[in-house]
Protein backbone atom coordinates (compact mmCIF):
# COMPACT_ATOMS: atom_id res chain seq x y z
CA MET A 1 10.39 123.39 68.22
CA THR A 2 9.05 120.31 66.55
CA PHE A 3 6.11 119.34 65.05
CA PRO A 4 4.47 115.62 64.72
CA PRO A 5 3.55 114.71 61.12
CA ASP A 6 -0.24 116.25 61.05
CA ALA A 7 -2.29 112.73 61.48
CA VAL A 8 -1.07 112.69 64.74
CA PHE A 9 -3.56 115.53 65.04
CA GLY A 10 -6.40 113.71 63.77
CA SER A 11 -6.03 110.62 65.28
CA GLU A 12 -8.26 108.52 68.03
CA GLY A 13 -6.89 110.03 71.28
CA PHE A 14 -4.27 112.68 71.28
CA ASP A 15 -5.13 114.96 73.83
CA PHE A 16 -6.16 118.61 72.00
CA GLU A 17 -6.40 120.11 75.94
CA ARG A 18 -3.43 119.08 77.19
CA ALA A 19 -1.23 119.54 73.79
CA GLY A 20 -2.66 123.46 73.94
CA ALA A 21 -1.78 123.49 77.91
CA GLU A 22 1.62 122.57 76.84
CA HIS A 23 1.73 125.51 73.31
CA ALA A 24 0.82 127.90 76.02
CA VAL A 25 3.74 127.28 78.35
CA LEU A 26 6.16 126.98 75.48
CA SER A 27 4.56 130.29 73.23
CA PRO A 28 3.31 132.17 75.23
CA GLY A 29 0.48 134.38 73.41
CA LEU A 30 1.02 132.26 70.05
CA ALA A 31 -2.22 130.87 71.25
CA GLU A 32 -4.44 133.97 70.61
CA THR A 33 -3.01 134.76 66.91
CA PHE A 34 -4.51 130.82 65.70
CA GLU A 35 -7.44 131.53 63.23
CA PRO A 36 -10.90 129.21 65.32
CA ASP A 37 -12.28 128.52 61.28
CA ASN A 38 -8.90 127.88 60.00
CA PRO A 39 -6.59 125.58 62.50
CA GLY A 40 -3.18 126.38 61.94
CA MET A 41 -3.09 129.43 60.53
CA HIS A 42 -2.02 132.61 61.94
CA ARG A 43 -0.41 135.86 61.35
CA THR A 44 2.20 137.79 64.22
CA PRO A 45 3.09 141.48 65.11
CA THR A 46 6.80 139.95 64.16
CA VAL A 47 9.63 139.43 62.00
CA ASP A 48 10.08 135.71 61.72
CA TYR A 49 13.30 133.95 60.50
CA VAL A 50 12.92 129.79 60.70
CA ALA A 51 15.32 127.95 59.85
CA VAL A 52 14.94 123.96 59.83
CA LEU A 53 16.89 121.89 61.27
CA SER A 54 15.48 118.04 60.79
CA GLY A 55 13.00 116.93 58.37
CA ARG A 56 10.54 118.32 56.03
CA VAL A 57 7.40 120.60 56.70
CA VAL A 58 4.59 122.74 54.28
CA LEU A 59 4.90 126.48 54.75
CA GLU A 60 1.44 127.21 53.16
CA LEU A 61 1.03 131.81 53.30
CA ASP A 62 -2.03 133.63 52.89
CA ASP A 63 -3.17 133.15 49.09
CA GLY A 64 -2.80 129.48 49.08
CA ALA A 65 0.56 129.02 48.33
CA THR A 66 2.38 126.71 49.91
CA VAL A 67 6.51 125.79 50.02
CA ALA A 68 8.03 122.53 51.08
CA LEU A 69 10.85 123.03 53.33
CA GLY A 70 13.55 120.41 54.07
CA PRO A 71 16.76 120.63 56.51
CA GLY A 72 18.84 123.94 56.16
CA ASP A 73 15.90 125.81 54.20
CA THR A 74 15.58 129.20 55.98
CA VAL A 75 12.59 131.86 56.23
CA VAL A 76 12.30 134.78 56.90
CA GLN A 77 8.44 137.11 56.79
CA GLN A 78 7.18 139.35 58.32
CA GLY A 79 3.89 139.65 60.00
CA THR A 80 3.04 136.96 56.62
CA ARG A 81 -0.32 135.69 57.78
CA HIS A 82 0.52 131.28 57.60
CA ALA A 83 0.40 128.17 58.32
CA TRP A 84 3.05 125.25 59.25
CA ARG A 85 1.86 121.84 57.97
CA ASN A 86 3.40 118.44 57.98
CA PRO A 87 1.51 116.04 56.11
CA PHE A 88 5.14 113.60 55.75
CA ASP A 89 5.28 110.88 57.48
CA GLU A 90 8.11 111.93 59.91
CA PRO A 91 8.22 115.10 63.19
CA VAL A 92 9.52 118.28 61.64
CA SER A 93 12.24 120.52 64.02
CA ILE A 94 12.18 124.20 63.24
CA ALA A 95 14.84 126.31 64.78
CA VAL A 96 12.77 130.23 65.40
CA VAL A 97 13.19 133.15 66.50
CA LEU A 98 10.51 136.01 66.05
CA THR A 99 11.37 139.65 66.93
CA GLY A 100 8.47 142.50 67.39
CA ALA A 101 8.11 144.88 64.82
CA HIS A 102 6.45 147.68 64.79
CA GLY A 103 3.60 148.53 61.46
CA GLY A 104 3.68 152.69 60.43
């Protein structure tokens, strides 16, 4: 996945409808996990393996803590409420593998 800088989403002419449709095709089922009152924040019933390939990104966690990540950094999380933020000037590319997880 490649995320543009956050500023792109707030720019004039950004087509949210088109972006949403593209996101639905590339990541089916993910859009339904996003919180309408807190853009970007979501939780999935999966174990997520994430590696930053290029650029920088900030992982925002449920308690408001943030972790800045760069190329080569990895994250493993299970069902964690989180959001990915790109407050930087360049796009970020991450590799993501989500595997199903069942709570007990």
